[in-house]
Amino acid sequence: MVVNLKRILLVEDSPNDIELTLEALSEHNLANTVEVARDGQEALDYLFHEGQFADRANGNPAVILLDLKLPKVSGLEVLTKIRADNRLKLIPVVVLTSSQEERDRIESYNLGVNAYVVKPVDFHAFIDAVKNLGIFWAIINEPPPGSIA
């Protein structure tokens, strides 16, 4: 069986969580490319082809893994801008956050998030959660037109 691996955009400011997420995705071969944005502004620059990403290849990621607690521009602001843009609004967005606040979960769903996952504290549980997210969103789920492999 040939699996068409897709691009993932990881928006995360914690170096430890970036490393664990990349390790989990790579260990299980769940993406061709994982682009990392370390703050909300970097994520918007990537998505809108601005700043250091002005010359990046066309097309959107198959899924965005989005932390909420980000420097410069919050995850909720990033989500708002994604859902307000016709070129981006169909990209699946999974909030992957440490926030268990009900208001964050409600606001995320009100803004159109596809899933809300609280990061497990346990190392193995975190790896399993990312692996399962990757399997579903990067392999099983059919992304919207315009996503790139």
N, C-alpha and C. Protein backbone atom coordinates (compact mmCIF):
# COMPACT_ATOMS: atom_id res chain seq x y z
N MET A 1 0.84 -1.18 0.00
CA MET A 1 0.00 0.00 0.00
C MET A 1 0.88 1.24 0.00
N VAL A 2 0.63 2.15 -0.93
CA VAL A 2 1.38 3.40 -0.99
C VAL A 2 0.58 4.46 -0.26
N VAL A 3 1.22 5.11 0.69
CA VAL A 3 0.57 6.16 1.47
C VAL A 3 1.12 7.49 0.99
N ASN A 4 0.23 8.39 0.64
CA ASN A 4 0.62 9.73 0.20
C ASN A 4 0.76 10.61 1.44
N LEU A 5 2.00 10.82 1.88
CA LEU A 5 2.23 11.62 3.08
C LEU A 5 2.10 13.09 2.75
N LYS A 6 1.61 13.85 3.70
CA LYS A 6 1.28 15.25 3.45
C LYS A 6 2.08 16.17 4.36
N ARG A 7 1.99 17.46 4.09
CA ARG A 7 2.69 18.48 4.87
C ARG A 7 1.85 18.88 6.08
N ILE A 8 2.53 19.05 7.21
CA ILE A 8 1.90 19.48 8.46
C ILE A 8 2.56 20.79 8.88
N LEU A 9 1.76 21.74 9.35
CA LEU A 9 2.29 22.95 9.95
C LEU A 9 2.10 22.83 11.45
N LEU A 10 3.21 22.83 12.18
CA LEU A 10 3.20 22.78 13.64
C LEU A 10 3.46 24.19 14.16
N VAL A 11 2.52 24.73 14.92
CA VAL A 11 2.67 26.07 15.49
C VAL A 11 2.82 25.89 17.00
N GLU A 12 4.06 26.03 17.46
CA GLU A 12 4.39 25.70 18.85
C GLU A 12 5.61 26.51 19.28
N ASP A 13 5.57 27.08 20.49
CA ASP A 13 6.71 27.86 20.98
C ASP A 13 7.60 27.10 21.95
N SER A 14 7.16 25.99 22.47
CA SER A 14 7.95 25.22 23.43
C SER A 14 8.95 24.32 22.70
N PRO A 15 10.26 24.56 22.86
CA PRO A 15 11.26 23.71 22.20
C PRO A 15 11.09 22.23 22.55
N ASN A 16 10.74 21.92 23.80
CA ASN A 16 10.54 20.52 24.20
C ASN A 16 9.36 19.90 23.46
N ASP A 17 8.24 20.64 23.37
CA ASP A 17 7.07 20.10 22.69
C ASP A 17 7.30 19.98 21.18
N ILE A 18 8.07 20.91 20.61
CA ILE A 18 8.43 20.81 19.20
C ILE A 18 9.22 19.53 18.97
N GLU A 19 10.24 19.32 19.80
CA GLU A 19 11.09 18.14 19.65
C GLU A 19 10.29 16.85 19.80
N LEU A 20 9.43 16.78 20.83
CA LEU A 20 8.62 15.57 21.04
C LEU A 20 7.66 15.34 19.88
N THR A 21 7.04 16.40 19.39
CA THR A 21 6.08 16.26 18.28
C THR A 21 6.78 15.80 17.02
N LEU A 22 7.90 16.42 16.70
CA LEU A 22 8.66 16.02 15.51
C LEU A 22 9.14 14.58 15.63
N GLU A 23 9.58 14.21 16.83
CA GLU A 23 10.04 12.84 17.06
C GLU A 23 8.90 11.84 16.85
N ALA A 24 7.74 12.15 17.40
CA ALA A 24 6.59 11.24 17.26
C ALA A 24 6.16 11.10 15.81
N LEU A 25 6.12 12.21 15.08
CA LEU A 25 5.69 12.17 13.68
C LEU A 25 6.72 11.45 12.81
N SER A 26 8.00 11.71 13.08
CA SER A 26 9.04 11.10 12.26
C SER A 26 9.22 9.62 12.58
N GLU A 27 9.12 9.28 13.86
CA GLU A 27 9.26 7.88 14.27
C GLU A 27 8.22 7.00 13.61
N HIS A 28 7.06 7.58 13.33
CA HIS A 28 5.98 6.82 12.73
C HIS A 28 5.76 7.18 11.26
N ASN A 29 6.71 7.94 10.67
CA ASN A 29 6.66 8.32 9.25
C ASN A 29 5.30 8.88 8.85
N LEU A 30 4.86 9.92 9.56
CA LEU A 30 3.50 10.42 9.37
C LEU A 30 3.41 11.69 8.54
N ALA A 31 4.52 12.19 8.03
CA ALA A 31 4.44 13.38 7.19
C ALA A 31 5.68 13.47 6.31
N ASN A 32 5.50 13.99 5.10
CA ASN A 32 6.65 14.28 4.25
C ASN A 32 7.46 15.40 4.88
N THR A 33 6.76 16.44 5.27
CA THR A 33 7.40 17.63 5.80
C THR A 33 6.59 18.14 6.98
N VAL A 34 7.28 18.53 8.03
CA VAL A 34 6.63 19.23 9.13
C VAL A 34 7.31 20.60 9.19
N GLU A 35 6.55 21.61 8.85
CA GLU A 35 7.04 22.99 8.96
C GLU A 35 6.74 23.45 10.37
N VAL A 36 7.67 24.18 10.98
CA VAL A 36 7.48 24.64 12.35
C VAL A 36 7.46 26.16 12.38
N ALA A 37 6.41 26.70 12.98
CA ALA A 37 6.32 28.13 13.27
C ALA A 37 6.38 28.25 14.78
N ARG A 38 7.28 29.09 15.29
CA ARG A 38 7.52 29.16 16.73
C ARG A 38 6.72 30.25 17.44
N ASP A 39 5.90 30.97 16.71
CA ASP A 39 4.99 31.94 17.32
C ASP A 39 3.85 32.19 16.34
N GLY A 40 2.83 32.90 16.82
CA GLY A 40 1.66 33.13 15.98
C GLY A 40 1.95 33.95 14.74
N GLN A 41 2.83 34.94 14.85
CA GLN A 41 3.16 35.76 13.69
C GLN A 41 3.87 34.94 12.61
N GLU A 42 4.78 34.06 13.05
CA GLU A 42 5.48 33.19 12.10
C GLU A 42 4.49 32.28 11.37
N ALA A 43 3.49 31.79 12.08
CA ALA A 43 2.47 30.95 11.46
C ALA A 43 1.70 31.73 10.40
N LEU A 44 1.32 32.95 10.71
CA LEU A 44 0.60 33.78 9.74
C LEU A 44 1.49 34.11 8.55
N ASP A 45 2.77 34.41 8.80
CA ASP A 45 3.69 34.67 7.70
C ASP A 45 3.79 33.46 6.78
N TYR A 46 3.87 32.27 7.37
CA TYR A 46 3.93 31.04 6.58
C TYR A 46 2.66 30.89 5.73
N LEU A 47 1.53 31.01 6.36
CA LEU A 47 0.26 30.78 5.66
C LEU A 47 -0.03 31.82 4.58
N PHE A 48 0.40 33.06 4.82
CA PHE A 48 0.12 34.14 3.86
C PHE A 48 1.31 34.47 2.96
N HIS A 49 2.34 33.60 2.98
CA HIS A 49 3.53 33.79 2.13
C HIS A 49 4.18 35.15 2.36
N GLU A 50 4.41 35.50 3.60
CA GLU A 50 5.00 36.79 3.92
C GLU A 50 6.31 36.60 4.68
N GLY A 51 7.10 37.67 4.81
CA GLY A 51 8.34 37.63 5.58
C GLY A 51 9.27 36.56 5.05
N GLN A 52 9.83 35.77 5.96
CA GLN A 52 10.78 34.73 5.57
C GLN A 52 10.15 33.62 4.72
N PHE A 53 8.83 33.59 4.65
CA PHE A 53 8.13 32.56 3.88
C PHE A 53 7.56 33.09 2.56
N ALA A 54 7.98 34.27 2.16
CA ALA A 54 7.45 34.89 0.94
C ALA A 54 7.66 34.02 -0.29
N ASP A 55 8.74 33.26 -0.31
CA ASP A 55 9.07 32.44 -1.48
C ASP A 55 8.78 30.96 -1.29
N ARG A 56 8.05 30.59 -0.26
CA ARG A 56 7.79 29.16 -0.04
C ARG A 56 6.89 28.62 -1.16
N ALA A 57 6.92 27.31 -1.34
CA ALA A 57 6.11 26.67 -2.38
C ALA A 57 4.63 26.94 -2.13
N ASN A 58 3.87 26.99 -3.21
CA ASN A 58 2.42 27.20 -3.11
C ASN A 58 1.75 25.99 -2.49
N GLY A 59 0.54 26.18 -2.06
CA GLY A 59 -0.25 25.11 -1.47
C GLY A 59 -0.29 25.24 0.04
N ASN A 60 -1.30 24.62 0.61
CA ASN A 60 -1.51 24.69 2.05
C ASN A 60 -1.15 23.37 2.70
N PRO A 61 -0.86 23.40 3.99
CA PRO A 61 -0.63 22.14 4.71
C PRO A 61 -1.92 21.33 4.78
N ALA A 62 -1.77 20.03 4.97
CA ALA A 62 -2.94 19.16 5.11
C ALA A 62 -3.63 19.38 6.44
N VAL A 63 -2.85 19.81 7.44
CA VAL A 63 -3.39 20.06 8.77
C VAL A 63 -2.46 21.03 9.50
N ILE A 64 -3.04 21.81 10.40
CA ILE A 64 -2.26 22.71 11.26
C ILE A 64 -2.45 22.24 12.69
N LEU A 65 -1.33 21.97 13.38
CA LEU A 65 -1.36 21.66 14.80
C LEU A 65 -1.02 22.96 15.52
N LEU A 66 -1.98 23.53 16.22
CA LEU A 66 -1.88 24.89 16.73
C LEU A 66 -1.93 24.95 18.25
N ASP A 67 -0.86 25.48 18.85
CA ASP A 67 -0.88 25.77 20.28
C ASP A 67 -1.67 27.06 20.48
N LEU A 68 -2.28 27.25 21.63
CA LEU A 68 -3.02 28.48 21.89
C LEU A 68 -2.16 29.55 22.55
N LYS A 69 -1.30 29.14 23.46
CA LYS A 69 -0.49 30.08 24.22
C LYS A 69 0.81 30.36 23.47
N LEU A 70 0.75 31.36 22.57
CA LEU A 70 1.88 31.68 21.70
C LEU A 70 2.33 33.12 21.90
N PRO A 71 3.63 33.39 21.70
CA PRO A 71 4.08 34.78 21.72
C PRO A 71 3.67 35.51 20.44
N LYS A 72 3.67 36.82 20.52
CA LYS A 72 3.39 37.75 19.42
C LYS A 72 1.92 37.76 19.01
N VAL A 73 1.41 36.64 18.52
CA VAL A 73 0.00 36.53 18.12
C VAL A 73 -0.52 35.24 18.73
N SER A 74 -1.63 35.31 19.46
CA SER A 74 -2.15 34.11 20.13
C SER A 74 -2.69 33.10 19.13
N GLY A 75 -2.81 31.87 19.60
CA GLY A 75 -3.37 30.82 18.76
C GLY A 75 -4.80 31.13 18.33
N LEU A 76 -5.58 31.72 19.22
CA LEU A 76 -6.96 32.07 18.86
C LEU A 76 -6.99 33.15 17.77
N GLU A 77 -6.06 34.09 17.82
CA GLU A 77 -5.98 35.11 16.76
C GLU A 77 -5.57 34.48 15.43
N VAL A 78 -4.63 33.54 15.49
CA VAL A 78 -4.21 32.83 14.28
C VAL A 78 -5.41 32.09 13.69
N LEU A 79 -6.15 31.38 14.53
CA LEU A 79 -7.33 30.64 14.09
C LEU A 79 -8.36 31.57 13.47
N THR A 80 -8.57 32.72 14.09
CA THR A 80 -9.52 33.71 13.55
C THR A 80 -9.12 34.13 12.14
N LYS A 81 -7.84 34.40 11.93
CA LYS A 81 -7.37 34.85 10.61
C LYS A 81 -7.43 33.73 9.58
N ILE A 82 -7.17 32.51 10.00
CA ILE A 82 -7.27 31.36 9.08
C ILE A 82 -8.72 31.21 8.61
N ARG A 83 -9.64 31.24 9.56
CA ARG A 83 -11.05 31.01 9.21
C ARG A 83 -11.67 32.18 8.45
N ALA A 84 -11.05 33.36 8.51
CA ALA A 84 -11.57 34.54 7.80
C ALA A 84 -11.07 34.63 6.36
N ASP A 85 -10.11 33.79 5.99
CA ASP A 85 -9.52 33.88 4.65
C ASP A 85 -10.00 32.72 3.78
N ASN A 86 -10.56 33.04 2.62
CA ASN A 86 -11.11 32.02 1.73
C ASN A 86 -10.08 31.00 1.27
N ARG A 87 -8.81 31.40 1.18
CA ARG A 87 -7.76 30.48 0.73
C ARG A 87 -7.35 29.51 1.82
N LEU A 88 -7.65 29.83 3.07
CA LEU A 88 -7.17 29.03 4.20
C LEU A 88 -8.27 28.38 5.02
N LYS A 89 -9.48 28.86 4.93
CA LYS A 89 -10.52 28.48 5.89
C LYS A 89 -10.88 26.99 5.89
N LEU A 90 -10.55 26.26 4.84
CA LEU A 90 -10.86 24.83 4.81
C LEU A 90 -9.77 23.94 5.39
N ILE A 91 -8.60 24.53 5.70
CA ILE A 91 -7.52 23.72 6.26
C ILE A 91 -7.94 23.21 7.64
N PRO A 92 -7.84 21.91 7.87
CA PRO A 92 -8.14 21.40 9.21
C PRO A 92 -7.15 21.97 10.23
N VAL A 93 -7.68 22.44 11.35
CA VAL A 93 -6.85 22.98 12.43
C VAL A 93 -7.16 22.18 13.69
N VAL A 94 -6.09 21.63 14.27
CA VAL A 94 -6.21 20.90 15.52
C VAL A 94 -5.48 21.70 16.58
N VAL A 95 -6.21 22.14 17.61
CA VAL A 95 -5.58 22.81 18.73
C VAL A 95 -4.92 21.73 19.57
N LEU A 96 -3.61 21.89 19.78
CA LEU A 96 -2.82 20.98 20.61
C LEU A 96 -2.20 21.85 21.69
N THR A 97 -2.80 21.85 22.86
CA THR A 97 -2.46 22.85 23.88
C THR A 97 -2.45 22.26 25.28
N SER A 98 -1.83 22.97 26.18
CA SER A 98 -1.86 22.57 27.58
C SER A 98 -3.07 23.15 28.30
N SER A 99 -3.79 24.06 27.63
CA SER A 99 -4.93 24.72 28.25
C SER A 99 -6.13 23.79 28.40
N GLN A 100 -6.56 23.64 29.64
CA GLN A 100 -7.78 22.88 29.91
C GLN A 100 -8.94 23.81 30.24
N GLU A 101 -8.73 25.09 29.97
CA GLU A 101 -9.75 26.11 30.27
C GLU A 101 -10.96 25.93 29.36
N GLU A 102 -12.12 25.86 29.98
CA GLU A 102 -13.35 25.69 29.21
C GLU A 102 -13.55 26.83 28.22
N ARG A 103 -13.21 28.06 28.61
CA ARG A 103 -13.40 29.20 27.71
C ARG A 103 -12.53 29.09 26.46
N ASP A 104 -11.30 28.55 26.61
CA ASP A 104 -10.44 28.35 25.43
C ASP A 104 -11.05 27.31 24.49
N ARG A 105 -11.57 26.24 25.06
CA ARG A 105 -12.18 25.18 24.25
C ARG A 105 -13.43 25.71 23.54
N ILE A 106 -14.27 26.44 24.25
CA ILE A 106 -15.49 26.99 23.65
C ILE A 106 -15.13 27.98 22.55
N GLU A 107 -14.19 28.89 22.83
CA GLU A 107 -13.79 29.88 21.83
C GLU A 107 -13.17 29.22 20.61
N SER A 108 -12.35 28.19 20.82
CA SER A 108 -11.74 27.47 19.69
C SER A 108 -12.81 26.86 18.79
N TYR A 109 -13.78 26.20 19.38
CA TYR A 109 -14.84 25.60 18.57
C TYR A 109 -15.71 26.67 17.92
N ASN A 110 -15.97 27.76 18.62
CA ASN A 110 -16.74 28.86 18.01
C ASN A 110 -16.01 29.43 16.79
N LEU A 111 -14.69 29.40 16.83
CA LEU A 111 -13.90 29.92 15.71
C LEU A 111 -13.69 28.88 14.60
N GLY A 112 -14.16 27.67 14.80
CA GLY A 112 -14.13 26.68 13.73
C GLY A 112 -12.99 25.67 13.79
N VAL A 113 -12.42 25.44 14.99
CA VAL A 113 -11.37 24.42 15.09
C VAL A 113 -11.97 23.05 14.80
N ASN A 114 -11.17 22.16 14.23
CA ASN A 114 -11.65 20.82 13.90
C ASN A 114 -11.53 19.84 15.06
N ALA A 115 -10.55 20.08 15.95
CA ALA A 115 -10.37 19.22 17.12
C ALA A 115 -9.60 20.00 18.17
N TYR A 116 -9.82 19.64 19.43
CA TYR A 116 -9.16 20.30 20.56
C TYR A 116 -8.55 19.19 21.41
N VAL A 117 -7.22 19.17 21.49
CA VAL A 117 -6.52 18.12 22.22
C VAL A 117 -5.66 18.76 23.29
N VAL A 118 -5.87 18.33 24.54
CA VAL A 118 -5.03 18.80 25.64
C VAL A 118 -3.78 17.92 25.67
N LYS A 119 -2.62 18.58 25.66
CA LYS A 119 -1.34 17.85 25.66
C LYS A 119 -1.22 17.03 26.94
N PRO A 120 -1.04 15.74 26.79
CA PRO A 120 -0.81 14.92 27.99
C PRO A 120 0.53 15.29 28.63
N VAL A 121 0.61 15.23 29.95
CA VAL A 121 1.84 15.55 30.66
C VAL A 121 2.82 14.38 30.55
N ASP A 122 2.31 13.17 30.57
CA ASP A 122 3.14 11.98 30.48
C ASP A 122 3.79 11.86 29.10
N PHE A 123 5.09 11.60 29.07
CA PHE A 123 5.86 11.52 27.82
C PHE A 123 5.24 10.54 26.84
N HIS A 124 4.99 9.32 27.27
CA HIS A 124 4.46 8.29 26.36
C HIS A 124 3.05 8.63 25.88
N ALA A 125 2.25 9.19 26.76
CA ALA A 125 0.90 9.60 26.37
C ALA A 125 0.96 10.74 25.35
N PHE A 126 1.92 11.65 25.51
CA PHE A 126 2.10 12.75 24.55
C PHE A 126 2.48 12.18 23.18
N ILE A 127 3.45 11.27 23.15
CA ILE A 127 3.90 10.65 21.90
C ILE A 127 2.72 9.93 21.23
N ASP A 128 1.95 9.17 22.02
CA ASP A 128 0.79 8.46 21.46
C ASP A 128 -0.26 9.42 20.91
N ALA A 129 -0.51 10.51 21.63
CA ALA A 129 -1.50 11.49 21.17
C ALA A 129 -1.08 12.09 19.83
N VAL A 130 0.19 12.49 19.71
CA VAL A 130 0.68 13.08 18.46
C VAL A 130 0.65 12.04 17.34
N LYS A 131 1.05 10.82 17.64
CA LYS A 131 1.03 9.76 16.63
C LYS A 131 -0.40 9.56 16.11
N ASN A 132 -1.37 9.49 17.02
CA ASN A 132 -2.76 9.30 16.61
C ASN A 132 -3.29 10.48 15.81
N LEU A 133 -2.91 11.71 16.22
CA LEU A 133 -3.30 12.88 15.44
C LEU A 133 -2.71 12.80 14.04
N GLY A 134 -1.44 12.46 13.97
CA GLY A 134 -0.77 12.37 12.68
C GLY A 134 -1.39 11.31 11.78
N ILE A 135 -1.68 10.16 12.34
CA ILE A 135 -2.29 9.09 11.55
C ILE A 135 -3.62 9.55 10.97
N PHE A 136 -4.46 10.15 11.81
CA PHE A 136 -5.76 10.58 11.30
C PHE A 136 -5.66 11.73 10.32
N TRP A 137 -5.02 12.84 10.74
CA TRP A 137 -5.06 14.06 9.94
C TRP A 137 -4.13 14.04 8.73
N ALA A 138 -3.01 13.32 8.81
CA ALA A 138 -2.05 13.35 7.70
C ALA A 138 -2.17 12.13 6.80
N ILE A 139 -2.86 11.08 7.23
CA ILE A 139 -2.95 9.89 6.40
C ILE A 139 -4.39 9.53 6.09
N ILE A 140 -5.24 9.38 7.09
CA ILE A 140 -6.61 8.91 6.88
C ILE A 140 -7.50 10.00 6.32
N ASN A 141 -7.46 11.18 6.91
CA ASN A 141 -8.33 12.28 6.48
C ASN A 141 -7.98 12.74 5.07
N GLU A 142 -9.01 12.99 4.26
CA GLU A 142 -8.81 13.57 2.94
C GLU A 142 -8.79 15.08 3.10
N PRO A 143 -7.65 15.71 2.82
CA PRO A 143 -7.55 17.17 3.02
C PRO A 143 -8.33 17.94 1.97
N PRO A 144 -8.58 19.20 2.26
CA PRO A 144 -9.29 20.03 1.29
C PRO A 144 -8.44 20.25 0.05
N PRO A 145 -9.07 20.57 -1.09
CA PRO A 145 -8.30 20.89 -2.29
C PRO A 145 -7.35 22.05 -1.99
N GLY A 146 -6.14 21.97 -2.58
CA GLY A 146 -5.16 23.03 -2.36
C GLY A 146 -4.10 22.63 -1.37
N SER A 147 -4.31 21.51 -0.64
CA SER A 147 -3.28 21.03 0.26
C SER A 147 -2.18 20.40 -0.60
N ILE A 148 -0.98 20.36 -0.05
CA ILE A 148 0.12 19.81 -0.81
C ILE A 148 0.72 18.61 -0.11
N ALA A 149 1.28 17.74 -0.89
CA ALA A 149 1.95 16.57 -0.31
C ALA A 149 3.38 16.91 0.00
